[in-house]
């Protein structure tokens, strides 16, 4: 074990610090980028709902609006369990109801 530490100590000075920091920065940036990419954006679901739910009348409009309200409520409930800022804004379901996002408790 002691020979291994001496061997590593001899070659530790040959590896530049910027080389190691480059790997670290890449790791950190990739982690944050993956978190951003995996955020649930409602755009694709909104386009899917608007293209699949037929009707230019009042019933079709209400159905599309209701479905998107459910999508927004689901996103809010997910973000409440993940984000501290959203959890501070909506600490309980009563706050969600008071904000008008949900109609019932």
Protein backbone atom coordinates (compact mmCIF):
# COMPACT_ATOMS: atom_id res chain seq x y z
CA UNK A 1 0.00 0.00 0.00
CA UNK A 2 2.87 2.35 0.83
CA UNK A 3 4.48 1.69 -2.56
CA UNK A 4 1.24 2.65 -4.28
CA UNK A 5 1.10 5.99 -2.47
CA UNK A 6 4.71 6.75 -3.43
CA UNK A 7 3.96 5.81 -7.04
CA UNK A 8 0.90 8.08 -7.13
CA UNK A 9 2.84 10.90 -5.49
CA UNK A 10 5.51 10.76 -8.18
CA UNK A 11 2.98 11.13 -11.00
CA UNK A 12 0.63 13.57 -9.25
CA UNK A 13 2.78 16.54 -10.21
CA UNK A 14 2.74 15.56 -13.88
CA UNK A 15 -1.04 15.95 -14.22
CA UNK A 16 -1.89 19.65 -14.58
CA UNK A 17 -4.56 21.09 -12.34
CA UNK A 18 -6.35 22.71 -15.29
CA UNK A 19 -6.78 19.27 -16.85
CA UNK A 20 -8.52 17.98 -13.72
CA UNK A 21 -10.57 21.17 -13.35
CA UNK A 22 -11.72 20.80 -16.95
CA UNK A 23 -13.29 17.46 -16.10
CA UNK A 24 -14.90 18.93 -12.99
CA UNK A 25 -16.36 21.92 -14.84
CA UNK A 26 -17.68 19.63 -17.56
CA UNK A 27 -19.32 17.45 -14.93
CA UNK A 28 -20.98 20.43 -13.21
CA UNK A 29 -22.20 22.02 -16.45
CA UNK A 30 -23.59 18.72 -17.73
CA UNK A 31 -25.42 18.17 -14.46
CA UNK A 32 -27.12 21.58 -14.59
CA UNK A 33 -27.90 21.23 -18.30
CA UNK A 34 -29.53 17.82 -17.71
CA UNK A 35 -31.66 19.32 -14.95
CA UNK A 36 -32.78 22.09 -17.29
CA UNK A 37 -33.54 19.68 -20.13
CA UNK A 38 -35.59 17.42 -17.86
CA UNK A 39 -37.88 20.18 -16.62
CA UNK A 40 -41.47 19.42 -17.61
CA UNK A 41 -42.40 22.01 -20.23
CA UNK A 42 -46.13 22.05 -21.07
CA UNK A 43 -45.59 23.13 -24.70
CA UNK A 44 -45.56 19.70 -26.33
CA UNK A 45 -48.58 18.55 -24.38
CA UNK A 46 -50.37 21.81 -25.21
CA UNK A 47 -49.74 21.29 -28.93
CA UNK A 48 -50.92 17.69 -28.65
CA UNK A 49 -54.12 18.71 -26.86
CA UNK A 50 -54.85 21.51 -29.31
CA UNK A 51 -54.39 19.20 -32.29
CA UNK A 52 -56.26 16.18 -30.92
CA UNK A 53 -59.25 17.77 -29.18
CA UNK A 54 -61.61 18.68 -31.99
CA UNK A 55 -64.14 21.45 -32.05
CA UNK A 56 -64.24 25.16 -32.65
CA UNK A 57 -67.31 25.51 -30.47
CA UNK A 58 -67.58 26.31 -26.77
CA UNK A 59 -67.41 22.66 -25.68
CA UNK A 60 -64.08 22.03 -27.45
CA UNK A 61 -62.60 25.24 -26.08
CA UNK A 62 -63.68 24.39 -22.51
CA UNK A 63 -62.29 20.87 -22.85
CA UNK A 64 -58.90 22.14 -24.09
CA UNK A 65 -58.78 24.78 -21.36
CA UNK A 66 -59.70 22.26 -18.65
CA UNK A 67 -57.05 19.80 -19.81
CA UNK A 68 -54.38 22.50 -19.79
CA UNK A 69 -55.46 23.60 -16.33
CA UNK A 70 -54.94 20.03 -15.14
CA UNK A 71 -51.50 20.02 -16.79
CA UNK A 72 -50.58 23.28 -15.04
CA UNK A 73 -51.88 21.98 -11.70
CA UNK A 74 -49.87 18.78 -12.11
CA UNK A 75 -46.73 20.79 -12.89
CA UNK A 76 -47.33 22.96 -9.84
CA UNK A 77 -47.72 19.93 -7.58
CA UNK A 78 -44.53 18.39 -8.96
CA UNK A 79 -42.59 21.64 -8.55
CA UNK A 80 -43.90 21.96 -4.97
CA UNK A 81 -42.14 18.72 -4.07
CA UNK A 82 -38.91 19.70 -5.86
CA UNK A 83 -38.45 23.48 -5.72
CA UNK A 84 -38.11 25.43 -2.48
CA UNK A 85 -39.27 28.65 -4.16
CA UNK A 86 -42.52 27.05 -5.30
CA UNK A 87 -42.94 25.38 -1.91
CA UNK A 88 -42.59 28.77 -0.21
CA UNK A 89 -45.17 30.30 -2.57
CA UNK A 90 -47.63 27.37 -2.19
CA UNK A 91 -46.90 25.71 1.18
CA UNK A 92 -50.34 24.08 1.46
CA UNK A 93 -53.17 23.13 -0.87
CA UNK A 94 -55.19 26.03 0.55
CA UNK A 95 -52.65 28.43 -0.96
CA UNK A 96 -53.04 26.69 -4.32
CA UNK A 97 -56.83 27.12 -4.09
CA UNK A 98 -56.51 30.78 -3.05
CA UNK A 99 -54.28 31.46 -6.06
CA UNK A 100 -57.01 30.09 -8.33
CA UNK A 101 -54.98 27.20 -9.73
CA UNK A 102 -57.24 24.55 -8.21
CA UNK A 103 -60.96 24.92 -7.57
CA UNK A 104 -61.40 22.29 -4.85
CA UNK A 105 -59.43 20.95 -1.91
